[in-house]
Amino acid sequence: MAKKDQATDAARDKDREKWMARFQVRLAMQPGVDRPVVLQAVKNVTTHCADTGEHPRTAFGDPDAYAVQVAAQLVPADRAARDRRHDAVAGALDSIRKRAEDIAGL
């Protein structure tokens, strides 16, 4: 294989890895998404790309948008809503704690 072909293959592999990493992180950040959901989604993408030879960007588009789409498909709406409420409460408590520390001079 020529050096140019190897460099092209390496660049394609690197781009695929970046897409997958971003997809996993964005998916994990979605409300209600847990480890099994991430693993199933990664398996689905990996299998599809291995079977078709397609790059994930070609097959699924933007990793951020696809993560939102997958979360909507795989996470029950009630679980996602519960996690959003939990995150809001946790954020409010953290804000209160920070203000208290500022007032106390900590």
PDB file of N, CA and C in Angstrom:
ATOM      1  N   MET A   1       0.841  -1.170   0.000  1.00  0.00           N
ATOM      2  CA  MET A   1       0.000   0.000   0.000  1.00  0.00           C
ATOM      3  C   MET A   1       0.889   1.237   0.000  1.00  0.00           C
ATOM      4  N   ALA A   2       0.558   2.198  -0.789  1.00  0.00           N
ATOM      5  CA  ALA A   2       1.340   3.425  -0.890  1.00  0.00           C
ATOM      6  C   ALA A   2       1.179   4.252   0.376  1.00  0.00           C
ATOM      7  N   LYS A   3       2.172   5.098   0.624  1.00  0.00           N
ATOM      8  CA  LYS A   3       2.135   5.943   1.813  1.00  0.00           C
ATOM      9  C   LYS A   3       0.914   6.853   1.819  1.00  0.00           C
ATOM     10  N   LYS A   4       0.557   7.360   0.641  1.00  0.00           N
ATOM     11  CA  LYS A   4      -0.595   8.256   0.564  1.00  0.00           C
ATOM     12  C   LYS A   4      -1.872   7.516   0.977  1.00  0.00           C
ATOM     13  N   ASP A   5      -2.021   6.271   0.546  1.00  0.00           N
ATOM     14  CA  ASP A   5      -3.184   5.466   0.925  1.00  0.00           C
ATOM     15  C   ASP A   5      -3.208   5.208   2.429  1.00  0.00           C
ATOM     16  N   GLN A   6      -2.036   4.948   3.003  1.00  0.00           N
ATOM     17  CA  GLN A   6      -1.952   4.710   4.444  1.00  0.00           C
ATOM     18  C   GLN A   6      -2.312   5.977   5.215  1.00  0.00           C
ATOM     19  N   ALA A   7      -1.843   7.111   4.729  1.00  0.00           N
ATOM     20  CA  ALA A   7      -2.146   8.377   5.394  1.00  0.00           C
ATOM     21  C   ALA A   7      -3.645   8.680   5.304  1.00  0.00           C
ATOM     22  N   THR A   8      -4.233   8.400   4.160  1.00  0.00           N
ATOM     23  CA  THR A   8      -5.667   8.618   3.984  1.00  0.00           C
ATOM     24  C   THR A   8      -6.467   7.699   4.894  1.00  0.00           C
ATOM     25  N   ASP A   9      -6.072   6.439   4.963  1.00  0.00           N
ATOM     26  CA  ASP A   9      -6.748   5.484   5.846  1.00  0.00           C
ATOM     27  C   ASP A   9      -6.620   5.907   7.311  1.00  0.00           C
ATOM     28  N   ALA A  10      -5.426   6.361   7.683  1.00  0.00           N
ATOM     29  CA  ALA A  10      -5.194   6.790   9.062  1.00  0.00           C
ATOM     30  C   ALA A  10      -6.054   8.010   9.389  1.00  0.00           C
ATOM     31  N   ALA A  11      -6.144   8.947   8.460  1.00  0.00           N
ATOM     32  CA  ALA A  11      -6.968  10.139   8.678  1.00  0.00           C
ATOM     33  C   ALA A  11      -8.440   9.757   8.788  1.00  0.00           C
ATOM     34  N   ARG A  12      -8.901   8.827   7.965  1.00  0.00           N
ATOM     35  CA  ARG A  12     -10.292   8.376   8.009  1.00  0.00           C
ATOM     36  C   ARG A  12     -10.579   7.682   9.340  1.00  0.00           C
ATOM     37  N   ASP A  13      -9.640   6.846   9.788  1.00  0.00           N
ATOM     38  CA  ASP A  13      -9.811   6.157  11.074  1.00  0.00           C
ATOM     39  C   ASP A  13      -9.861   7.155  12.222  1.00  0.00           C
ATOM     40  N   LYS A  14      -8.999   8.149  12.173  1.00  0.00           N
ATOM     41  CA  LYS A  14      -8.957   9.172  13.218  1.00  0.00           C
ATOM     42  C   LYS A  14     -10.276   9.949  13.249  1.00  0.00           C
ATOM     43  N   ASP A  15     -10.777  10.298  12.071  1.00  0.00           N
ATOM     44  CA  ASP A  15     -12.038  11.023  11.990  1.00  0.00           C
ATOM     45  C   ASP A  15     -13.189  10.174  12.521  1.00  0.00           C
ATOM     46  N   ARG A  16     -13.177   8.890  12.216  1.00  0.00           N
ATOM     47  CA  ARG A  16     -14.211   7.965  12.713  1.00  0.00           C
ATOM     48  C   ARG A  16     -14.157   7.888  14.241  1.00  0.00           C
ATOM     49  N   GLU A  17     -12.945   7.797  14.783  1.00  0.00           N
ATOM     50  CA  GLU A  17     -12.780   7.740  16.236  1.00  0.00           C
ATOM     51  C   GLU A  17     -13.282   9.023  16.899  1.00  0.00           C
ATOM     52  N   LYS A  18     -12.998  10.172  16.284  1.00  0.00           N
ATOM     53  CA  LYS A  18     -13.465  11.446  16.832  1.00  0.00           C
ATOM     54  C   LYS A  18     -14.989  11.520  16.805  1.00  0.00           C
ATOM     55  N   TRP A  19     -15.580  11.056  15.712  1.00  0.00           N
ATOM     56  CA  TRP A  19     -17.040  11.067  15.611  1.00  0.00           C
ATOM     57  C   TRP A  19     -17.636  10.202  16.719  1.00  0.00           C
ATOM     58  N   MET A  20     -17.097   8.994  16.870  1.00  0.00           N
ATOM     59  CA  MET A  20     -17.615   8.072  17.882  1.00  0.00           C
ATOM     60  C   MET A  20     -17.448   8.631  19.299  1.00  0.00           C
ATOM     61  N   ALA A  21     -16.308   9.233  19.577  1.00  0.00           N
ATOM     62  CA  ALA A  21     -16.059   9.793  20.908  1.00  0.00           C
ATOM     63  C   ALA A  21     -17.045  10.920  21.207  1.00  0.00           C
ATOM     64  N   ARG A  22     -17.237  11.798  20.244  1.00  0.00           N
ATOM     65  CA  ARG A  22     -18.172  12.913  20.446  1.00  0.00           C
ATOM     66  C   ARG A  22     -19.604  12.382  20.622  1.00  0.00           C
ATOM     67  N   PHE A  23     -19.977  11.415  19.816  1.00  0.00           N
ATOM     68  CA  PHE A  23     -21.307  10.812  19.918  1.00  0.00           C
ATOM     69  C   PHE A  23     -21.522  10.216  21.311  1.00  0.00           C
ATOM     70  N   GLN A  24     -20.548   9.475  21.804  1.00  0.00           N
ATOM     71  CA  GLN A  24     -20.675   8.834  23.114  1.00  0.00           C
ATOM     72  C   GLN A  24     -20.816   9.873  24.228  1.00  0.00           C
ATOM     73  N   VAL A  25     -19.993  10.912  24.166  1.00  0.00           N
ATOM     74  CA  VAL A  25     -20.045  11.942  25.206  1.00  0.00           C
ATOM     75  C   VAL A  25     -21.384  12.668  25.166  1.00  0.00           C
ATOM     76  N   ARG A  26     -21.798  13.080  23.974  1.00  0.00           N
ATOM     77  CA  ARG A  26     -23.079  13.794  23.847  1.00  0.00           C
ATOM     78  C   ARG A  26     -24.260  12.908  24.243  1.00  0.00           C
ATOM     79  N   LEU A  27     -24.192  11.639  23.907  1.00  0.00           N
ATOM     80  CA  LEU A  27     -25.268  10.726  24.287  1.00  0.00           C
ATOM     81  C   LEU A  27     -25.317  10.568  25.801  1.00  0.00           C
ATOM     82  N   ALA A  28     -24.169  10.403  26.422  1.00  0.00           N
ATOM     83  CA  ALA A  28     -24.110  10.225  27.875  1.00  0.00           C
ATOM     84  C   ALA A  28     -24.632  11.458  28.617  1.00  0.00           C
ATOM     85  N   MET A  29     -24.583  12.611  27.986  1.00  0.00           N
ATOM     86  CA  MET A  29     -25.049  13.851  28.603  1.00  0.00           C
ATOM     87  C   MET A  29     -26.565  14.029  28.513  1.00  0.00           C
ATOM     88  N   GLN A  30     -27.227  13.218  27.737  1.00  0.00           N
ATOM     89  CA  GLN A  30     -28.675  13.347  27.562  1.00  0.00           C
ATOM     90  C   GLN A  30     -29.405  12.832  28.797  1.00  0.00           C
ATOM     91  N   PRO A  31     -30.495  13.496  29.183  1.00  0.00           N
ATOM     92  CA  PRO A  31     -31.247  13.069  30.372  1.00  0.00           C
ATOM     93  C   PRO A  31     -31.745  11.627  30.230  1.00  0.00           C
ATOM     94  N   GLY A  32     -31.530  10.856  31.303  1.00  0.00           N
ATOM     95  CA  GLY A  32     -32.026   9.485  31.346  1.00  0.00           C
ATOM     96  C   GLY A  32     -31.119   8.453  30.706  1.00  0.00           C
ATOM     97  N   VAL A  33     -30.065   8.891  30.056  1.00  0.00           N
ATOM     98  CA  VAL A  33     -29.166   7.945  29.387  1.00  0.00           C
ATOM     99  C   VAL A  33     -28.216   7.339  30.413  1.00  0.00           C
ATOM    100  N   ASP A  34     -28.160   6.021  30.430  1.00  0.00           N
ATOM    101  CA  ASP A  34     -27.235   5.320  31.307  1.00  0.00           C
ATOM    102  C   ASP A  34     -26.258   4.497  30.462  1.00  0.00           C
ATOM    103  N   ARG A  35     -25.382   3.802  31.124  1.00  0.00           N
ATOM    104  CA  ARG A  35     -24.336   3.050  30.434  1.00  0.00           C
ATOM    105  C   ARG A  35     -24.884   2.032  29.430  1.00  0.00           C
ATOM    106  N   PRO A  36     -25.895   1.250  29.790  1.00  0.00           N
ATOM    107  CA  PRO A  36     -26.419   0.297  28.809  1.00  0.00           C
ATOM    108  C   PRO A  36     -26.953   0.955  27.535  1.00  0.00           C
ATOM    109  N   VAL A  37     -27.549   2.128  27.672  1.00  0.00           N
ATOM    110  CA  VAL A  37     -28.040   2.843  26.484  1.00  0.00           C
ATOM    111  C   VAL A  37     -26.870   3.246  25.601  1.00  0.00           C
ATOM    112  N   VAL A  38     -25.819   3.779  26.213  1.00  0.00           N
ATOM    113  CA  VAL A  38     -24.641   4.184  25.441  1.00  0.00           C
ATOM    114  C   VAL A  38     -24.022   2.975  24.750  1.00  0.00           C
ATOM    115  N   LEU A  39     -23.872   1.890  25.480  1.00  0.00           N
ATOM    116  CA  LEU A  39     -23.263   0.690  24.895  1.00  0.00           C
ATOM    117  C   LEU A  39     -24.083   0.151  23.728  1.00  0.00           C
ATOM    118  N   GLN A  40     -25.404   0.139  23.875  1.00  0.00           N
ATOM    119  CA  GLN A  40     -26.274  -0.349  22.798  1.00  0.00           C
ATOM    120  C   GLN A  40     -26.168   0.550  21.571  1.00  0.00           C
ATOM    121  N   ALA A  41     -26.177   1.855  21.784  1.00  0.00           N
ATOM    122  CA  ALA A  41     -26.083   2.794  20.665  1.00  0.00           C
ATOM    123  C   ALA A  41     -24.750   2.675  19.945  1.00  0.00           C
ATOM    124  N   VAL A  42     -23.661   2.553  20.700  1.00  0.00           N
ATOM    125  CA  VAL A  42     -22.335   2.395  20.093  1.00  0.00           C
ATOM    126  C   VAL A  42     -22.275   1.093  19.304  1.00  0.00           C
ATOM    127  N   LYS A  43     -22.840   0.035  19.866  1.00  0.00           N
ATOM    128  CA  LYS A  43     -22.874  -1.253  19.164  1.00  0.00           C
ATOM    129  C   LYS A  43     -23.646  -1.132  17.850  1.00  0.00           C
ATOM    130  N   ASN A  44     -24.788  -0.439  17.893  1.00  0.00           N
ATOM    131  CA  ASN A  44     -25.591  -0.259  16.684  1.00  0.00           C
ATOM    132  C   ASN A  44     -24.819   0.499  15.604  1.00  0.00           C
ATOM    133  N   VAL A  45     -24.169   1.577  15.983  1.00  0.00           N
ATOM    134  CA  VAL A  45     -23.405   2.378  15.020  1.00  0.00           C
ATOM    135  C   VAL A  45     -22.228   1.571  14.473  1.00  0.00           C
ATOM    136  N   THR A  46     -21.502   0.924  15.356  1.00  0.00           N
ATOM    137  CA  THR A  46     -20.331   0.146  14.953  1.00  0.00           C
ATOM    138  C   THR A  46     -20.719  -0.985  14.008  1.00  0.00           C
ATOM    139  N   THR A  47     -21.782  -1.681  14.338  1.00  0.00           N
ATOM    140  CA  THR A  47     -22.246  -2.783  13.491  1.00  0.00           C
ATOM    141  C   THR A  47     -22.666  -2.275  12.118  1.00  0.00           C
ATOM    142  N   HIS A  48     -23.437  -1.204  12.099  1.00  0.00           N
ATOM    143  CA  HIS A  48     -23.884  -0.644  10.824  1.00  0.00           C
ATOM    144  C   HIS A  48     -22.689  -0.249   9.950  1.00  0.00           C
ATOM    145  N   CYS A  49     -21.746   0.444  10.546  1.00  0.00           N
ATOM    146  CA  CYS A  49     -20.579   0.907   9.776  1.00  0.00           C
ATOM    147  C   CYS A  49     -19.715  -0.259   9.312  1.00  0.00           C
ATOM    148  N   ALA A  50     -19.580  -1.288  10.128  1.00  0.00           N
ATOM    149  CA  ALA A  50     -18.805  -2.467   9.732  1.00  0.00           C
ATOM    150  C   ALA A  50     -19.497  -3.212   8.595  1.00  0.00           C
ATOM    151  N   ASP A  51     -20.826  -3.307   8.664  1.00  0.00           N
ATOM    152  CA  ASP A  51     -21.581  -4.020   7.631  1.00  0.00           C
ATOM    153  C   ASP A  51     -21.608  -3.281   6.297  1.00  0.00           C
ATOM    154  N   THR A  52     -21.710  -1.956   6.364  1.00  0.00           N
ATOM    155  CA  THR A  52     -21.876  -1.168   5.140  1.00  0.00           C
ATOM    156  C   THR A  52     -20.593  -0.530   4.634  1.00  0.00           C
ATOM    157  N   GLY A  53     -19.609  -0.389   5.524  1.00  0.00           N
ATOM    158  CA  GLY A  53     -18.379   0.305   5.152  1.00  0.00           C
ATOM    159  C   GLY A  53     -18.529   1.817   5.171  1.00  0.00           C
ATOM    160  N   GLU A  54     -19.684   2.286   5.615  1.00  0.00           N
ATOM    161  CA  GLU A  54     -19.924   3.727   5.675  1.00  0.00           C
ATOM    162  C   GLU A  54     -19.220   4.362   6.870  1.00  0.00           C
ATOM    163  N   HIS A  55     -18.873   5.618   6.707  1.00  0.00           N
ATOM    164  CA  HIS A  55     -18.364   6.420   7.817  1.00  0.00           C
ATOM    165  C   HIS A  55     -19.586   6.805   8.656  1.00  0.00           C
ATOM    166  N   PRO A  56     -19.463   6.876   9.982  1.00  0.00           N
ATOM    167  CA  PRO A  56     -20.633   7.212  10.797  1.00  0.00           C
ATOM    168  C   PRO A  56     -21.253   8.566  10.440  1.00  0.00           C
ATOM    169  N   ARG A  57     -20.442   9.526  10.035  1.00  0.00           N
ATOM    170  CA  ARG A  57     -20.986  10.835   9.661  1.00  0.00           C
ATOM    171  C   ARG A  57     -21.876  10.704   8.423  1.00  0.00           C
ATOM    172  N   THR A  58     -21.461   9.858   7.485  1.00  0.00           N
ATOM    173  CA  THR A  58     -22.246   9.633   6.275  1.00  0.00           C
ATOM    174  C   THR A  58     -23.559   8.929   6.614  1.00  0.00           C
ATOM    175  N   ALA A  59     -23.479   7.954   7.493  1.00  0.00           N
ATOM    176  CA  ALA A  59     -24.656   7.151   7.834  1.00  0.00           C
ATOM    177  C   ALA A  59     -25.603   7.868   8.796  1.00  0.00           C
ATOM    178  N   PHE A  60     -25.062   8.610   9.764  1.00  0.00           N
ATOM    179  CA  PHE A  60     -25.888   9.146  10.842  1.00  0.00           C
ATOM    180  C   PHE A  60     -25.853  10.661  10.977  1.00  0.00           C
ATOM    181  N   GLY A  61     -24.980  11.323  10.239  1.00  0.00           N
ATOM    182  CA  GLY A  61     -24.912  12.781  10.298  1.00  0.00           C
ATOM    183  C   GLY A  61     -24.089  13.286  11.469  1.00  0.00           C
ATOM    184  N   ASP A  62     -24.470  14.449  11.940  1.00  0.00           N
ATOM    185  CA  ASP A  62     -23.777  15.112  13.044  1.00  0.00           C
ATOM    186  C   ASP A  62     -23.891  14.281  14.323  1.00  0.00           C
ATOM    187  N   PRO A  63     -22.775  14.052  15.031  1.00  0.00           N
ATOM    188  CA  PRO A  63     -22.842  13.203  16.233  1.00  0.00           C
ATOM    189  C   PRO A  63     -23.701  13.801  17.346  1.00  0.00           C
ATOM    190  N   ASP A  64     -23.711  15.130  17.472  1.00  0.00           N
ATOM    191  CA  ASP A  64     -24.525  15.766  18.508  1.00  0.00           C
ATOM    192  C   ASP A  64     -26.012  15.554  18.241  1.00  0.00           C
ATOM    193  N   ALA A  65     -26.412  15.811  17.013  1.00  0.00           N
ATOM    194  CA  ALA A  65     -27.831  15.651  16.645  1.00  0.00           C
ATOM    195  C   ALA A  65     -28.248  14.188  16.736  1.00  0.00           C
ATOM    196  N   TYR A  66     -27.364  13.290  16.324  1.00  0.00           N
ATOM    197  CA  TYR A  66     -27.712  11.874  16.380  1.00  0.00           C
ATOM    198  C   TYR A  66     -27.819  11.392  17.824  1.00  0.00           C
ATOM    199  N   ALA A  67     -26.997  11.937  18.717  1.00  0.00           N
ATOM    200  CA  ALA A  67     -27.076  11.570  20.137  1.00  0.00           C
ATOM    201  C   ALA A  67     -28.433  11.957  20.713  1.00  0.00           C
ATOM    202  N   VAL A  68     -28.928  13.134  20.362  1.00  0.00           N
ATOM    203  CA  VAL A  68     -30.244  13.570  20.833  1.00  0.00           C
ATOM    204  C   VAL A  68     -31.325  12.646  20.281  1.00  0.00           C
ATOM    205  N   GLN A  69     -31.202  12.299  19.011  1.00  0.00           N
ATOM    206  CA  GLN A  69     -32.182  11.420  18.365  1.00  0.00           C
ATOM    207  C   GLN A  69     -32.193  10.035  19.014  1.00  0.00           C
ATOM    208  N   VAL A  70     -31.012   9.481  19.248  1.00  0.00           N
ATOM    209  CA  VAL A  70     -30.911   8.148  19.854  1.00  0.00           C
ATOM    210  C   VAL A  70     -31.472   8.159  21.272  1.00  0.00           C
ATOM    211  N   ALA A  71     -31.157   9.201  22.029  1.00  0.00           N
ATOM    212  CA  ALA A  71     -31.674   9.293  23.395  1.00  0.00           C
ATOM    213  C   ALA A  71     -33.197   9.328  23.385  1.00  0.00           C
ATOM    214  N   ALA A  72     -33.771  10.064  22.451  1.00  0.00           N
ATOM    215  CA  ALA A  72     -35.230  10.137  22.356  1.00  0.00           C
ATOM    216  C   ALA A  72     -35.835   8.777  22.013  1.00  0.00           C
ATOM    217  N   GLN A  73     -35.105   7.975  21.248  1.00  0.00           N
ATOM    218  CA  GLN A  73     -35.603   6.655  20.856  1.00  0.00           C
ATOM    219  C   GLN A  73     -35.429   5.613  21.958  1.00  0.00           C
ATOM    220  N   LEU A  74     -34.318   5.673  22.676  1.00  0.00           N
ATOM    221  CA  LEU A  74     -33.980   4.598  23.608  1.00  0.00           C
ATOM    222  C   LEU A  74     -34.334   4.861  25.071  1.00  0.00           C
ATOM    223  N   VAL A  75     -34.599   6.121  25.426  1.00  0.00           N
ATOM    224  CA  VAL A  75     -34.874   6.450  26.821  1.00  0.00           C
ATOM    225  C   VAL A  75     -36.369   6.761  26.969  1.00  0.00           C
ATOM    226  N   PRO A  76     -37.043   6.082  27.884  1.00  0.00           N
ATOM    227  CA  PRO A  76     -38.454   6.394  28.113  1.00  0.00           C
ATOM    228  C   PRO A  76     -38.628   7.857  28.526  1.00  0.00           C
ATOM    229  N   ALA A  77     -39.663   8.490  28.035  1.00  0.00           N
ATOM    230  CA  ALA A  77     -39.887   9.917  28.280  1.00  0.00           C
ATOM    231  C   ALA A  77     -39.971  10.243  29.764  1.00  0.00           C
ATOM    232  N   ASP A  78     -40.603   9.380  30.556  1.00  0.00           N
ATOM    233  CA  ASP A  78     -40.736   9.655  31.987  1.00  0.00           C
ATOM    234  C   ASP A  78     -39.378   9.636  32.689  1.00  0.00           C
ATOM    235  N   ARG A  79     -38.494   8.743  32.273  1.00  0.00           N
ATOM    236  CA  ARG A  79     -37.155   8.694  32.875  1.00  0.00           C
ATOM    237  C   ARG A  79     -36.350   9.933  32.502  1.00  0.00           C
ATOM    238  N   ALA A  80     -36.450  10.374  31.262  1.00  0.00           N
ATOM    239  CA  ALA A  80     -35.742  11.581  30.826  1.00  0.00           C
ATOM    240  C   ALA A  80     -36.259  12.799  31.589  1.00  0.00           C
ATOM    241  N   ALA A  81     -37.575  12.894  31.760  1.00  0.00           N
ATOM    242  CA  ALA A  81     -38.165  14.019  32.492  1.00  0.00           C
ATOM    243  C   ALA A  81     -37.712  14.010  33.953  1.00  0.00           C
ATOM    244  N   ARG A  82     -37.686  12.828  34.559  1.00  0.00           N
ATOM    245  CA  ARG A  82     -37.233  12.712  35.950  1.00  0.00           C
ATOM    246  C   ARG A  82     -35.789  13.180  36.084  1.00  0.00           C
ATOM    247  N   ASP A  83     -34.929  12.774  35.149  1.00  0.00           N
ATOM    248  CA  ASP A  83     -33.534  13.187  35.202  1.00  0.00           C
ATOM    249  C   ASP A  83     -33.373  14.690  34.991  1.00  0.00           C
ATOM    250  N   ARG A  84     -34.189  15.289  34.121  1.00  0.00           N
ATOM    251  CA  ARG A  84     -34.126  16.742  33.919  1.00  0.00           C
ATOM    252  C   ARG A  84     -34.505  17.468  35.211  1.00  0.00           C
ATOM    253  N   ARG A  85     -35.550  16.979  35.890  1.00  0.00           N
ATOM    254  CA  ARG A  85     -35.942  17.590  37.164  1.00  0.00           C
ATOM    255  C   ARG A  85     -34.825  17.446  38.195  1.00  0.00           C
ATOM    256  N   HIS A  86     -34.246  16.267  38.267  1.00  0.00           N
ATOM    257  CA  HIS A  86     -33.160  16.012  39.211  1.00  0.00           C
ATOM    258  C   HIS A  86     -31.980  16.943  38.931  1.00  0.00           C
ATOM    259  N   ASP A  87     -31.617  17.084  37.672  1.00  0.00           N
ATOM    260  CA  ASP A  87     -30.505  17.964  37.299  1.00  0.00           C
ATOM    261  C   ASP A  87     -30.797  19.418  37.673  1.00  0.00           C
ATOM    262  N   ALA A  88     -32.036  19.843  37.508  1.00  0.00           N
ATOM    263  CA  ALA A  88     -32.411  21.210  37.857  1.00  0.00           C
ATOM    264  C   ALA A  88     -32.285  21.439  39.363  1.00  0.00           C
ATOM    265  N   VAL A  89     -32.756  20.483  40.156  1.00  0.00           N
ATOM    266  CA  VAL A  89     -32.657  20.601  41.614  1.00  0.00           C
ATOM    267  C   VAL A  89     -31.190  20.585  42.043  1.00  0.00           C
ATOM    268  N   ALA A  90     -30.421  19.691  41.486  1.00  0.00           N
ATOM    269  CA  ALA A  90     -28.997  19.607  41.841  1.00  0.00           C
ATOM    270  C   ALA A  90     -28.280  20.903  41.476  1.00  0.00           C
ATOM    271  N   GLY A  91     -28.610  21.467  40.334  1.00  0.00           N
ATOM    272  CA  GLY A  91     -28.000  22.731  39.917  1.00  0.00           C
ATOM    273  C   GLY A  91     -28.361  23.860  40.855  1.00  0.00           C
ATOM    274  N   ALA A  92     -29.623  23.911  41.288  1.00  0.00           N
ATOM    275  CA  ALA A  92     -30.062  24.952  42.220  1.00  0.00           C
ATOM    276  C   ALA A  92     -29.360  24.810  43.565  1.00  0.00           C
ATOM    277  N   LEU A  93     -29.245  23.583  44.053  1.00  0.00           N
ATOM    278  CA  LEU A  93     -28.556  23.360  45.326  1.00  0.00           C
ATOM    279  C   LEU A  93     -27.080  23.728  45.240  1.00  0.00           C
ATOM    280  N   ASP A  94     -26.458  23.415  44.119  1.00  0.00           N
ATOM    281  CA  ASP A  94     -25.054  23.766  43.933  1.00  0.00           C
ATOM    282  C   ASP A  94     -24.877  25.282  43.916  1.00  0.00           C
ATOM    283  N   SER A  95     -25.790  25.978  43.276  1.00  0.00           N
ATOM    284  CA  SER A  95     -25.740  27.436  43.235  1.00  0.00           C
ATOM    285  C   SER A  95     -25.881  28.030  44.634  1.00  0.00           C
ATOM    286  N   ILE A  96     -26.798  27.485  45.423  1.00  0.00           N
ATOM    287  CA  ILE A  96     -26.991  27.945  46.798  1.00  0.00           C
ATOM    288  C   ILE A  96     -25.733  27.689  47.624  1.00  0.00           C
ATOM    289  N   ARG A  97     -25.139  26.513  47.450  1.00  0.00           N
ATOM    290  CA  ARG A  97     -23.908  26.187  48.185  1.00  0.00           C
ATOM    291  C   ARG A  97     -22.796  27.167  47.837  1.00  0.00           C
ATOM    292  N   LYS A  98     -22.646  27.491  46.563  1.00  0.00           N
ATOM    293  CA  LYS A  98     -21.597  28.421  46.145  1.00  0.00           C
ATOM    294  C   LYS A  98     -21.824  29.806  46.731  1.00  0.00           C
ATOM    295  N   ARG A  99     -23.079  30.250  46.740  1.00  0.00           N
ATOM    296  CA  ARG A  99     -23.387  31.563  47.327  1.00  0.00           C
ATOM    297  C   ARG A  99     -23.071  31.569  48.813  1.00  0.00           C
ATOM    298  N   ALA A 100     -23.432  30.493  49.498  1.00  0.00           N
ATOM    299  CA  ALA A 100     -23.158  30.401  50.928  1.00  0.00           C
ATOM    300  C   ALA A 100     -21.656  30.439  51.194  1.00  0.00           C
ATOM    301  N   GLU A 101     -20.889  29.766  50.366  1.00  0.00           N
ATOM    302  CA  GLU A 101     -19.432  29.784  50.519  1.00  0.00           C
ATOM    303  C   GLU A 101     -18.880  31.189  50.285  1.00  0.00           C
ATOM    304  N   ASP A 102     -19.433  31.883  49.297  1.00  0.00           N
ATOM    305  CA  ASP A 102     -18.990  33.256  49.028  1.00  0.00           C
ATOM    306  C   ASP A 102     -19.286  34.167  50.218  1.00  0.00           C
ATOM    307  N   ILE A 103     -20.473  34.022  50.801  1.00  0.00           N
ATOM    308  CA  ILE A 103     -20.856  34.845  51.942  1.00  0.00           C
ATOM    309  C   ILE A 103     -19.975  34.528  53.147  1.00  0.00           C
ATOM    310  N   ALA A 104     -19.688  33.244  53.348  1.00  0.00           N
ATOM    311  CA  ALA A 104     -18.882  32.821  54.492  1.00  0.00           C
ATOM    312  C   ALA A 104     -17.399  33.103  54.276  1.00  0.00           C
ATOM    313  N   GLY A 105     -17.014  33.435  53.033  1.00  0.00           N
ATOM    314  CA  GLY A 105     -15.620  33.698  52.744  1.00  0.00           C
ATOM    315  C   GLY A 105     -14.779  32.452  52.582  1.00  0.00           C
ATOM    316  N   LEU A 106     -15.392  31.365  52.219  1.00  0.00           N
ATOM    317  CA  LEU A 106     -14.673  30.099  52.041  1.00  0.00           C
ATOM    318  C   LEU A 106     -14.064  30.001  50.680  1.00  0.00           C
TER     319      LEU A 106
END
